[in-house]
Amino acid sequence: MVFEEAKLILRLIKMNPISMTGLVIVAGFIILGIIAPYITPYPLDAWGLTYNVEKRFLPPSLEHPFGTDEMGRDVFSRVILGARFSLIIAVGVVGLALLIGIPIGLIAGYLGGRIATVLMRITDMFLAFPPLLLAIALAATLGRGLVNVIIALAISWWPWYARLIYVQVNSIKNLPYVDAARIIGLTPIKIMLRHVLPNALTPVTVQAALDMGSAILEAAGLSFLGVGVKPPTPEWGLLVSEGWTSINIAWWISLFPGLAILITVIGFNLLADAVREAMDPRLRKAIIMRRV
């Protein structure tokens, strides 16, 4: 069932060139993130382990397509390796936020009563803070580091998933097929996991795809502000921050990682829109009718 649905979604995405563009960008980003350490032309430069005063601030050339930075390191290698850290951040943030938010929203929505009141009040407390400001405060408290960035962003995002699941479960839990599962004696846990949760995941899937790009963007923002990952980690936001101080004499240090962030975020947004349209029955019908 899930496999057939995925095949249909992929077929609908292929019908739209803009959606396909997003899919190609995201697929390319994921592949690059996986193989990045093996294809960097200057591995030691990529990891920030070198210093060559003679190669400082070299402009883009055949030898160094993206130029070099203030320490003579190859920017192209660091941008390529940065894809892996951005991929880790995106998957880590969204995965951890889902791991926290889905159980809370599922339990609150299905059980209701005082449990729902308590859990949703806690959720609302977190929602009262702007996510980015909360992430900045948490990152500054936890200290710089890749894991701390993931934790800070996930803590600021999980309430949105919890609220989204809560609303979906509330609209599903009293449907006839769920009542039938109760009548035959299934336990609440089995009903929630087998019959309620799978049918409540559609909007969460779309939101998660969209948030992958947002996670990369916000992590870059934290690094730019000095509360993100530690140097010499080649995370894209940190690369932009490092090049900002010398933007007047070496524009390429900030430009290329900035473009990497921009293209990747656009790709995730295009793909998320495509998945949303493909999973919405009304929009799906309209797409098919337009192509007939």
C-alpha atoms as a PDB file:
ATOM      1  CA  MET A   1       0.000   0.000   0.000  1.00  0.00           C
ATOM      2  CA  VAL A   2       2.710   2.449   1.020  1.00  0.00           C
ATOM      3  CA  PHE A   3       4.875   1.399  -1.919  1.00  0.00           C
ATOM      4  CA  GLU A   4       2.005   1.901  -4.383  1.00  0.00           C
ATOM      5  CA  GLU A   5       1.264   5.330  -2.919  1.00  0.00           C
ATOM      6  CA  ALA A   6       4.921   6.310  -3.234  1.00  0.00           C
ATOM      7  CA  LYS A   7       4.958   5.181  -6.865  1.00  0.00           C
ATOM      8  CA  LEU A   8       1.873   7.275  -7.611  1.00  0.00           C
ATOM      9  CA  ILE A   9       3.372  10.332  -5.915  1.00  0.00           C
ATOM     10  CA  LEU A  10       6.590   9.911  -7.896  1.00  0.00           C
ATOM     11  CA  ARG A  11       4.614   9.602 -11.132  1.00  0.00           C
ATOM     12  CA  LEU A  12       2.704  12.797 -10.371  1.00  0.00           C
ATOM     13  CA  ILE A  13       5.949  14.606  -9.556  1.00  0.00           C
ATOM     14  CA  LYS A  14       7.420  13.536 -12.897  1.00  0.00           C
ATOM     15  CA  MET A  15       4.462  15.186 -14.643  1.00  0.00           C
ATOM     16  CA  ASN A  16       5.534  18.607 -13.378  1.00  0.00           C
ATOM     17  CA  PRO A  17       8.929  20.008 -14.501  1.00  0.00           C
ATOM     18  CA  ILE A  18       9.142  22.325 -11.475  1.00  0.00           C
ATOM     19  CA  SER A  19       8.497  19.427  -9.099  1.00  0.00           C
ATOM     20  CA  MET A  20      11.089  17.345 -10.931  1.00  0.00           C
ATOM     21  CA  THR A  21      13.583  20.168 -10.480  1.00  0.00           C
ATOM     22  CA  GLY A  22      13.042  20.014  -6.730  1.00  0.00           C
ATOM     23  CA  LEU A  23      13.388  16.235  -6.726  1.00  0.00           C
ATOM     24  CA  VAL A  24      16.642  16.386  -8.715  1.00  0.00           C
ATOM     25  CA  ILE A  25      18.101  19.046  -6.384  1.00  0.00           C
ATOM     26  CA  VAL A  26      17.187  17.103  -3.247  1.00  0.00           C
ATOM     27  CA  ALA A  27      18.408  13.787  -4.676  1.00  0.00           C
ATOM     28  CA  GLY A  28      21.670  15.423  -5.737  1.00  0.00           C
ATOM     29  CA  PHE A  29      22.100  16.962  -2.292  1.00  0.00           C
ATOM     30  CA  ILE A  30      21.536  13.622  -0.543  1.00  0.00           C
ATOM     31  CA  ILE A  31      23.948  11.795  -2.844  1.00  0.00           C
ATOM     32  CA  LEU A  32      26.554  14.539  -2.416  1.00  0.00           C
ATOM     33  CA  GLY A  33      26.144  14.411   1.355  1.00  0.00           C
ATOM     34  CA  ILE A  34      26.820  10.664   1.341  1.00  0.00           C
ATOM     35  CA  ILE A  35      29.826  10.597  -1.017  1.00  0.00           C
ATOM     36  CA  ALA A  36      31.302  14.027  -0.155  1.00  0.00           C
ATOM     37  CA  PRO A  37      34.342  12.786   1.838  1.00  0.00           C
ATOM     38  CA  TYR A  38      35.391  10.573  -1.063  1.00  0.00           C
ATOM     39  CA  ILE A  39      35.263  13.154  -3.876  1.00  0.00           C
ATOM     40  CA  THR A  40      36.783  16.282  -2.331  1.00  0.00           C
ATOM     41  CA  PRO A  41      39.889  17.271  -4.348  1.00  0.00           C
ATOM     42  CA  TYR A  42      41.692  18.509  -1.216  1.00  0.00           C
ATOM     43  CA  PRO A  43      40.544  16.355   1.734  1.00  0.00           C
ATOM     44  CA  LEU A  44      42.787  18.022   4.331  1.00  0.00           C
ATOM     45  CA  ASP A  45      41.539  21.450   3.246  1.00  0.00           C
ATOM     46  CA  ALA A  46      37.954  20.194   3.437  1.00  0.00           C
ATOM     47  CA  TRP A  47      38.372  19.196   7.085  1.00  0.00           C
ATOM     48  CA  GLY A  48      40.196  22.454   7.886  1.00  0.00           C
ATOM     49  CA  LEU A  49      43.481  20.743   8.796  1.00  0.00           C
ATOM     50  CA  THR A  50      45.824  22.845   6.646  1.00  0.00           C
ATOM     51  CA  TYR A  51      47.249  26.358   6.566  1.00  0.00           C
ATOM     52  CA  ASN A  52      49.070  27.652   3.503  1.00  0.00           C
ATOM     53  CA  VAL A  53      49.920  31.341   3.650  1.00  0.00           C
ATOM     54  CA  GLU A  54      51.021  31.357   0.005  1.00  0.00           C
ATOM     55  CA  LYS A  55      47.499  30.354  -1.154  1.00  0.00           C
ATOM     56  CA  ARG A  56      45.496  32.813   0.947  1.00  0.00           C
ATOM     57  CA  PHE A  57      42.593  34.553  -0.839  1.00  0.00           C
ATOM     58  CA  LEU A  58      43.259  33.087  -4.272  1.00  0.00           C
ATOM     59  CA  PRO A  59      40.341  33.862  -6.646  1.00  0.00           C
ATOM     60  CA  PRO A  60      38.448  31.086  -8.466  1.00  0.00           C
ATOM     61  CA  SER A  61      40.609  29.224 -10.976  1.00  0.00           C
ATOM     62  CA  LEU A  62      40.962  25.814 -12.601  1.00  0.00           C
ATOM     63  CA  GLU A  63      43.024  24.610  -9.657  1.00  0.00           C
ATOM     64  CA  HIS A  64      40.595  26.046  -7.095  1.00  0.00           C
ATOM     65  CA  PRO A  65      37.149  26.480  -8.754  1.00  0.00           C
ATOM     66  CA  PHE A  66      35.716  28.338  -5.736  1.00  0.00           C
ATOM     67  CA  GLY A  67      38.966  30.052  -4.738  1.00  0.00           C
ATOM     68  CA  THR A  68      40.699  29.756  -1.370  1.00  0.00           C
ATOM     69  CA  ASP A  69      39.953  31.243   2.052  1.00  0.00           C
ATOM     70  CA  GLU A  70      41.955  33.225   4.608  1.00  0.00           C
ATOM     71  CA  MET A  71      43.953  30.114   5.538  1.00  0.00           C
ATOM     72  CA  GLY A  72      44.681  29.026   1.977  1.00  0.00           C
ATOM     73  CA  ARG A  73      42.139  26.185   2.077  1.00  0.00           C
ATOM     74  CA  ASP A  74      40.230  25.136  -1.029  1.00  0.00           C
ATOM     75  CA  VAL A  75      36.684  26.516  -0.723  1.00  0.00           C
ATOM     76  CA  PHE A  76      35.306  24.027  -3.272  1.00  0.00           C
ATOM     77  CA  SER A  77      36.399  21.086  -1.094  1.00  0.00           C
ATOM     78  CA  ARG A  78      34.907  22.657   2.023  1.00  0.00           C
ATOM     79  CA  VAL A  79      31.589  23.389   0.318  1.00  0.00           C
ATOM     80  CA  ILE A  80      31.345  19.805  -0.955  1.00  0.00           C
ATOM     81  CA  LEU A  81      32.078  18.335   2.473  1.00  0.00           C
ATOM     82  CA  GLY A  82      29.674  20.836   3.998  1.00  0.00           C
ATOM     83  CA  ALA A  83      26.850  19.007   2.211  1.00  0.00           C
ATOM     84  CA  ARG A  84      27.390  16.041   4.545  1.00  0.00           C
ATOM     85  CA  PHE A  85      27.082  18.172   7.680  1.00  0.00           C
ATOM     86  CA  SER A  86      24.010  19.929   6.304  1.00  0.00           C
ATOM     87  CA  LEU A  87      22.454  16.536   5.543  1.00  0.00           C
ATOM     88  CA  ILE A  88      23.213  15.328   9.077  1.00  0.00           C
ATOM     89  CA  ILE A  89      21.636  18.481  10.509  1.00  0.00           C
ATOM     90  CA  ALA A  90      18.509  18.225   8.339  1.00  0.00           C
ATOM     91  CA  VAL A  91      17.884  14.546   9.106  1.00  0.00           C
ATOM     92  CA  GLY A  92      18.853  14.918  12.774  1.00  0.00           C
ATOM     93  CA  VAL A  93      16.663  17.936  13.496  1.00  0.00           C
ATOM     94  CA  VAL A  94      13.551  16.691  11.711  1.00  0.00           C
ATOM     95  CA  GLY A  95      14.007  13.134  12.957  1.00  0.00           C
ATOM     96  CA  LEU A  96      14.412  14.163  16.608  1.00  0.00           C
ATOM     97  CA  ALA A  97      11.533  16.640  16.420  1.00  0.00           C
ATOM     98  CA  LEU A  98       9.281  13.936  14.954  1.00  0.00           C
ATOM     99  CA  LEU A  99      10.430  11.466  17.603  1.00  0.00           C
ATOM    100  CA  ILE A 100       9.299  13.875  20.331  1.00  0.00           C
ATOM    101  CA  GLY A 101       6.272  15.481  18.704  1.00  0.00           C
ATOM    102  CA  ILE A 102       4.461  12.500  17.156  1.00  0.00           C
ATOM    103  CA  PRO A 103       4.044  10.423  20.376  1.00  0.00           C
ATOM    104  CA  ILE A 104       2.891  13.476  22.331  1.00  0.00           C
ATOM    105  CA  GLY A 105       0.351  14.508  19.708  1.00  0.00           C
ATOM    106  CA  LEU A 106      -0.814  10.918  19.182  1.00  0.00           C
ATOM    107  CA  ILE A 107      -1.363  10.204  22.884  1.00  0.00           C
ATOM    108  CA  ALA A 108      -3.035  13.561  23.548  1.00  0.00           C
ATOM    109  CA  GLY A 109      -5.306  13.284  20.517  1.00  0.00           C
ATOM    110  CA  TYR A 110      -6.425   9.704  21.070  1.00  0.00           C
ATOM    111  CA  LEU A 111      -6.795   9.603  24.845  1.00  0.00           C
ATOM    112  CA  GLY A 112      -8.102  13.141  25.322  1.00  0.00           C
ATOM    113  CA  GLY A 113      -9.236  14.313  28.774  1.00  0.00           C
ATOM    114  CA  ARG A 114      -6.756  15.527  31.357  1.00  0.00           C
ATOM    115  CA  ILE A 115      -3.818  13.869  29.607  1.00  0.00           C
ATOM    116  CA  ALA A 116      -4.524  15.884  26.468  1.00  0.00           C
ATOM    117  CA  THR A 117      -4.948  19.064  28.496  1.00  0.00           C
ATOM    118  CA  VAL A 118      -1.582  18.666  30.217  1.00  0.00           C
ATOM    119  CA  LEU A 119       0.317  17.643  27.093  1.00  0.00           C
ATOM    120  CA  MET A 120      -1.184  20.376  24.922  1.00  0.00           C
ATOM    121  CA  ARG A 121      -0.547  23.045  27.569  1.00  0.00           C
ATOM    122  CA  ILE A 122       3.124  22.037  27.609  1.00  0.00           C
ATOM    123  CA  THR A 123       3.123  22.156  23.814  1.00  0.00           C
ATOM    124  CA  ASP A 124       1.511  25.602  23.824  1.00  0.00           C
ATOM    125  CA  MET A 125       4.165  26.861  26.233  1.00  0.00           C
ATOM    126  CA  PHE A 126       6.855  26.033  23.685  1.00  0.00           C
ATOM    127  CA  LEU A 127       4.758  27.429  20.827  1.00  0.00           C
ATOM    128  CA  ALA A 128       4.581  30.760  22.651  1.00  0.00           C
ATOM    129  CA  PHE A 129       8.246  31.361  21.782  1.00  0.00           C
ATOM    130  CA  PRO A 130       9.378  32.148  18.214  1.00  0.00           C
ATOM    131  CA  PRO A 131      11.200  28.967  17.091  1.00  0.00           C
ATOM    132  CA  LEU A 132      14.353  30.698  15.875  1.00  0.00           C
ATOM    133  CA  LEU A 133      14.726  32.824  19.016  1.00  0.00           C
ATOM    134  CA  LEU A 134      14.199  29.742  21.178  1.00  0.00           C
ATOM    135  CA  ALA A 135      16.795  27.848  19.130  1.00  0.00           C
ATOM    136  CA  ILE A 136      19.302  30.696  19.512  1.00  0.00           C
ATOM    137  CA  ALA A 137      18.773  30.776  23.285  1.00  0.00           C
ATOM    138  CA  LEU A 138      19.120  26.991  23.583  1.00  0.00           C
ATOM    139  CA  ALA A 139      22.193  26.863  21.333  1.00  0.00           C
ATOM    140  CA  ALA A 140      23.857  29.638  23.323  1.00  0.00           C
ATOM    141  CA  THR A 141      23.093  27.768  26.557  1.00  0.00           C
ATOM    142  CA  LEU A 142      24.220  24.347  25.333  1.00  0.00           C
ATOM    143  CA  GLY A 143      27.357  25.673  23.646  1.00  0.00           C
ATOM    144  CA  ARG A 144      28.667  25.358  20.117  1.00  0.00           C
ATOM    145  CA  GLY A 145      28.691  21.981  18.396  1.00  0.00           C
ATOM    146  CA  LEU A 146      26.894  19.939  15.762  1.00  0.00           C
ATOM    147  CA  VAL A 147      24.911  17.829  18.247  1.00  0.00           C
ATOM    148  CA  ASN A 148      23.900  20.899  20.252  1.00  0.00           C
ATOM    149  CA  VAL A 149      22.616  22.622  17.114  1.00  0.00           C
ATOM    150  CA  ILE A 150      20.463  19.586  16.308  1.00  0.00           C
ATOM    151  CA  ILE A 151      19.095  19.444  19.862  1.00  0.00           C
ATOM    152  CA  ALA A 152      18.370  23.187  19.975  1.00  0.00           C
ATOM    153  CA  LEU A 153      16.478  23.202  16.678  1.00  0.00           C
ATOM    154  CA  ALA A 154      14.589  19.968  17.443  1.00  0.00           C
ATOM    155  CA  ILE A 155      13.401  21.295  20.818  1.00  0.00           C
ATOM    156  CA  SER A 156      12.114  24.453  19.134  1.00  0.00           C
ATOM    157  CA  TRP A 157      10.294  22.471  16.415  1.00  0.00           C
ATOM    158  CA  TRP A 158       8.700  19.419  18.044  1.00  0.00           C
ATOM    159  CA  PRO A 159       5.597  21.336  19.288  1.00  0.00           C
ATOM    160  CA  TRP A 160       4.533  22.031  15.695  1.00  0.00           C
ATOM    161  CA  TYR A 161       4.540  18.325  14.892  1.00  0.00           C
ATOM    162  CA  ALA A 162       2.740  17.510  18.143  1.00  0.00           C
ATOM    163  CA  ARG A 163      -0.011  20.038  17.413  1.00  0.00           C
ATOM    164  CA  LEU A 164      -0.337  18.844  13.805  1.00  0.00           C
ATOM    165  CA  ILE A 165      -0.662  15.183  14.819  1.00  0.00           C
ATOM    166  CA  TYR A 166      -3.063  16.104  17.621  1.00  0.00           C
ATOM    167  CA  VAL A 167      -5.464  17.794  15.193  1.00  0.00           C
ATOM    168  CA  GLN A 168      -5.282  14.893  12.727  1.00  0.00           C
ATOM    169  CA  VAL A 169      -5.845  12.229  15.390  1.00  0.00           C
ATOM    170  CA  ASN A 170      -8.843  14.120  16.762  1.00  0.00           C
ATOM    171  CA  SER A 171     -10.469  13.978  13.339  1.00  0.00           C
ATOM    172  CA  ILE A 172      -9.702  10.266  12.857  1.00  0.00           C
ATOM    173  CA  LYS A 173     -10.226   8.573  16.224  1.00  0.00           C
ATOM    174  CA  ASN A 174     -14.035   8.372  15.985  1.00  0.00           C
ATOM    175  CA  LEU A 175     -14.260   7.138  12.395  1.00  0.00           C
ATOM    176  CA  PRO A 176     -16.086   3.820  11.831  1.00  0.00           C
ATOM    177  CA  TYR A 177     -12.990   1.715  11.165  1.00  0.00           C
ATOM    178  CA  VAL A 178     -11.438   2.889  14.438  1.00  0.00           C
ATOM    179  CA  ASP A 179     -14.661   2.077  16.317  1.00  0.00           C
ATOM    180  CA  ALA A 180     -14.592  -1.369  14.708  1.00  0.00           C
ATOM    181  CA  ALA A 181     -11.049  -1.909  15.991  1.00  0.00           C
ATOM    182  CA  ARG A 182     -12.245  -1.089  19.524  1.00  0.00           C
ATOM    183  CA  ILE A 183     -15.193  -3.461  19.228  1.00  0.00           C
ATOM    184  CA  ILE A 184     -13.003  -6.428  18.303  1.00  0.00           C
ATOM    185  CA  GLY A 185     -10.908  -5.773  21.412  1.00  0.00           C
ATOM    186  CA  LEU A 186      -7.689  -4.218  20.170  1.00  0.00           C
ATOM    187  CA  THR A 187      -5.727  -2.358  22.818  1.00  0.00           C
ATOM    188  CA  PRO A 188      -5.425   1.454  22.589  1.00  0.00           C
ATOM    189  CA  ILE A 189      -1.727   1.160  21.701  1.00  0.00           C
ATOM    190  CA  LYS A 190      -2.450  -1.182  18.779  1.00  0.00           C
ATOM    191  CA  ILE A 191      -5.287   1.021  17.568  1.00  0.00           C
ATOM    192  CA  MET A 192      -3.103   4.124  17.722  1.00  0.00           C
ATOM    193  CA  LEU A 193      -0.165   2.535  15.924  1.00  0.00           C
ATOM    194  CA  ARG A 194      -2.012   0.394  13.360  1.00  0.00           C
ATOM    195  CA  HIS A 195      -5.131   2.383  12.509  1.00  0.00           C
ATOM    196  CA  VAL A 196      -4.791   5.989  13.637  1.00  0.00           C
ATOM    197  CA  LEU A 197      -1.170   7.027  13.160  1.00  0.00           C
ATOM    198  CA  PRO A 198      -0.693   5.811   9.544  1.00  0.00           C
ATOM    199  CA  ASN A 199      -3.718   7.857   8.466  1.00  0.00           C
ATOM    200  CA  ALA A 200      -2.574  10.951  10.357  1.00  0.00           C
ATOM    201  CA  LEU A 201       0.901  11.176   8.824  1.00  0.00           C
ATOM    202  CA  THR A 202       0.058  12.812   5.494  1.00  0.00           C
ATOM    203  CA  PRO A 203       0.377  16.475   6.587  1.00  0.00           C
ATOM    204  CA  VAL A 204       3.334  15.602   8.809  1.00  0.00           C
ATOM    205  CA  THR A 205       5.168  14.061   5.850  1.00  0.00           C
ATOM    206  CA  VAL A 206       4.740  17.240   3.832  1.00  0.00           C
ATOM    207  CA  GLN A 207       5.792  19.421   6.758  1.00  0.00           C
ATOM    208  CA  ALA A 208       8.853  17.249   7.419  1.00  0.00           C
ATOM    209  CA  ALA A 209       9.967  17.550   3.787  1.00  0.00           C
ATOM    210  CA  LEU A 210       9.597  21.328   3.973  1.00  0.00           C
ATOM    211  CA  ASP A 211      11.394  21.494   7.320  1.00  0.00           C
ATOM    212  CA  MET A 212      14.467  19.719   5.941  1.00  0.00           C
ATOM    213  CA  GLY A 213      15.313  22.864   4.027  1.00  0.00           C
ATOM    214  CA  SER A 214      14.375  25.074   6.966  1.00  0.00           C
ATOM    215  CA  ALA A 215      16.668  23.078   9.251  1.00  0.00           C
ATOM    216  CA  ILE A 216      19.624  23.707   6.941  1.00  0.00           C
ATOM    217  CA  LEU A 217      18.752  27.407   6.738  1.00  0.00           C
ATOM    218  CA  GLU A 218      18.295  27.893  10.483  1.00  0.00           C
ATOM    219  CA  ALA A 219      21.420  25.900  11.343  1.00  0.00           C
ATOM    220  CA  ALA A 220      23.316  28.155   8.956  1.00  0.00           C
ATOM    221  CA  GLY A 221      21.822  31.143  10.749  1.00  0.00           C
ATOM    222  CA  LEU A 222      22.988  29.843  14.130  1.00  0.00           C
ATOM    223  CA  SER A 223      26.497  29.297  12.799  1.00  0.00           C
ATOM    224  CA  PHE A 224      26.539  32.737  11.222  1.00  0.00           C
ATOM    225  CA  LEU A 225      25.585  34.261  14.586  1.00  0.00           C
ATOM    226  CA  GLY A 226      28.370  32.356  16.335  1.00  0.00           C
ATOM    227  CA  VAL A 227      26.239  29.877  18.318  1.00  0.00           C
ATOM    228  CA  GLY A 228      26.269  27.012  15.807  1.00  0.00           C
ATOM    229  CA  VAL A 229      28.925  24.471  14.933  1.00  0.00           C
ATOM    230  CA  LYS A 230      32.571  24.910  15.911  1.00  0.00           C
ATOM    231  CA  PRO A 231      35.367  25.800  13.481  1.00  0.00           C
ATOM    232  CA  PRO A 232      36.897  24.264  11.455  1.00  0.00           C
ATOM    233  CA  THR A 233      33.767  22.226  10.674  1.00  0.00           C
ATOM    234  CA  PRO A 234      32.868  23.004   7.037  1.00  0.00           C
ATOM    235  CA  GLU A 235      29.192  23.686   7.709  1.00  0.00           C
ATOM    236  CA  TRP A 236      27.744  26.045   5.095  1.00  0.00           C
ATOM    237  CA  GLY A 237      26.560  28.703   7.532  1.00  0.00           C
ATOM    238  CA  LEU A 238      29.935  28.774   9.246  1.00  0.00           C
ATOM    239  CA  LEU A 239      31.676  29.107   5.866  1.00  0.00           C
ATOM    240  CA  VAL A 240      29.508  32.132   5.062  1.00  0.00           C
ATOM    241  CA  SER A 241      30.326  33.620   8.465  1.00  0.00           C
ATOM    242  CA  GLU A 242      34.058  33.047   8.046  1.00  0.00           C
ATOM    243  CA  GLY A 243      34.043  34.747   4.651  1.00  0.00           C
ATOM    244  CA  TRP A 244      31.938  37.689   5.772  1.00  0.00           C
ATOM    245  CA  THR A 245      34.846  39.468   7.469  1.00  0.00           C
ATOM    246  CA  SER A 246      36.784  39.512   4.191  1.00  0.00           C
ATOM    247  CA  ILE A 247      33.867  39.982   1.808  1.00  0.00           C
ATOM    248  CA  ASN A 248      35.436  43.095   0.247  1.00  0.00           C
ATOM    249  CA  ILE A 249      38.589  41.314  -0.875  1.00  0.00           C
ATOM    250  CA  ALA A 250      37.429  37.682  -1.210  1.00  0.00           C
ATOM    251  CA  TRP A 251      33.717  37.600  -2.104  1.00  0.00           C
ATOM    252  CA  TRP A 252      33.901  33.966  -3.200  1.00  0.00           C
ATOM    253  CA  ILE A 253      34.394  32.617   0.337  1.00  0.00           C
ATOM    254  CA  SER A 254      30.827  33.533   1.325  1.00  0.00           C
ATOM    255  CA  LEU A 255      29.177  33.428  -2.099  1.00  0.00           C
ATOM    256  CA  PHE A 256      29.508  29.742  -2.935  1.00  0.00           C
ATOM    257  CA  PRO A 257      28.353  28.253   0.395  1.00  0.00           C
ATOM    258  CA  GLY A 258      25.551  30.834   0.371  1.00  0.00           C
ATOM    259  CA  LEU A 259      24.469  29.629  -3.073  1.00  0.00           C
ATOM    260  CA  ALA A 260      24.618  26.031  -1.831  1.00  0.00           C
ATOM    261  CA  ILE A 261      22.219  26.919   0.994  1.00  0.00           C
ATOM    262  CA  LEU A 262      19.905  28.808  -1.364  1.00  0.00           C
ATOM    263  CA  ILE A 263      19.703  26.067  -3.997  1.00  0.00           C
ATOM    264  CA  THR A 264      19.205  23.291  -1.439  1.00  0.00           C
ATOM    265  CA  VAL A 265      16.447  25.136   0.442  1.00  0.00           C
ATOM    266  CA  ILE A 266      14.649  25.942  -2.834  1.00  0.00           C
ATOM    267  CA  GLY A 267      14.896  22.273  -3.828  1.00  0.00           C
ATOM    268  CA  PHE A 268      13.317  21.076  -0.583  1.00  0.00           C
ATOM    269  CA  ASN A 269      10.546  23.688  -0.853  1.00  0.00           C
ATOM    270  CA  LEU A 270       9.723  22.674  -4.431  1.00  0.00           C
ATOM    271  CA  LEU A 271       9.681  18.999  -3.469  1.00  0.00           C
ATOM    272  CA  ALA A 272       7.507  19.656  -0.409  1.00  0.00           C
ATOM    273  CA  ASP A 273       4.968  21.536  -2.539  1.00  0.00           C
ATOM    274  CA  ALA A 274       4.961  18.675  -5.027  1.00  0.00           C
ATOM    275  CA  VAL A 275       4.390  16.057  -2.312  1.00  0.00           C
ATOM    276  CA  ARG A 276       1.594  18.156  -0.797  1.00  0.00           C
ATOM    277  CA  GLU A 277      -0.178  18.383  -4.147  1.00  0.00           C
ATOM    278  CA  ALA A 278       0.325  14.698  -4.866  1.00  0.00           C
ATOM    279  CA  MET A 279      -1.061  13.624  -1.479  1.00  0.00           C
ATOM    280  CA  ASP A 280      -4.112  15.903  -1.579  1.00  0.00           C
ATOM    281  CA  PRO A 281      -6.931  14.020  -3.404  1.00  0.00           C
ATOM    282  CA  ARG A 282      -8.457  17.201  -4.871  1.00  0.00           C
ATOM    283  CA  LEU A 283      -5.143  18.610  -6.072  1.00  0.00           C
ATOM    284  CA  ARG A 284      -4.099  15.168  -7.323  1.00  0.00           C
ATOM    285  CA  LYS A 285      -7.242  14.943  -9.464  1.00  0.00           C
ATOM    286  CA  ALA A 286      -6.673  18.445 -10.818  1.00  0.00           C
ATOM    287  CA  ILE A 287      -3.073  17.580 -11.798  1.00  0.00           C
ATOM    288  CA  ILE A 288      -4.168  14.440 -13.616  1.00  0.00           C
ATOM    289  CA  MET A 289      -6.966  16.288 -15.415  1.00  0.00           C
ATOM    290  CA  ARG A 290      -4.565  19.011 -16.569  1.00  0.00           C
ATOM    291  CA  ARG A 291      -2.263  16.393 -18.087  1.00  0.00           C
ATOM    292  CA  VAL A 292      -4.944  14.367 -19.835  1.00  0.00           C
END
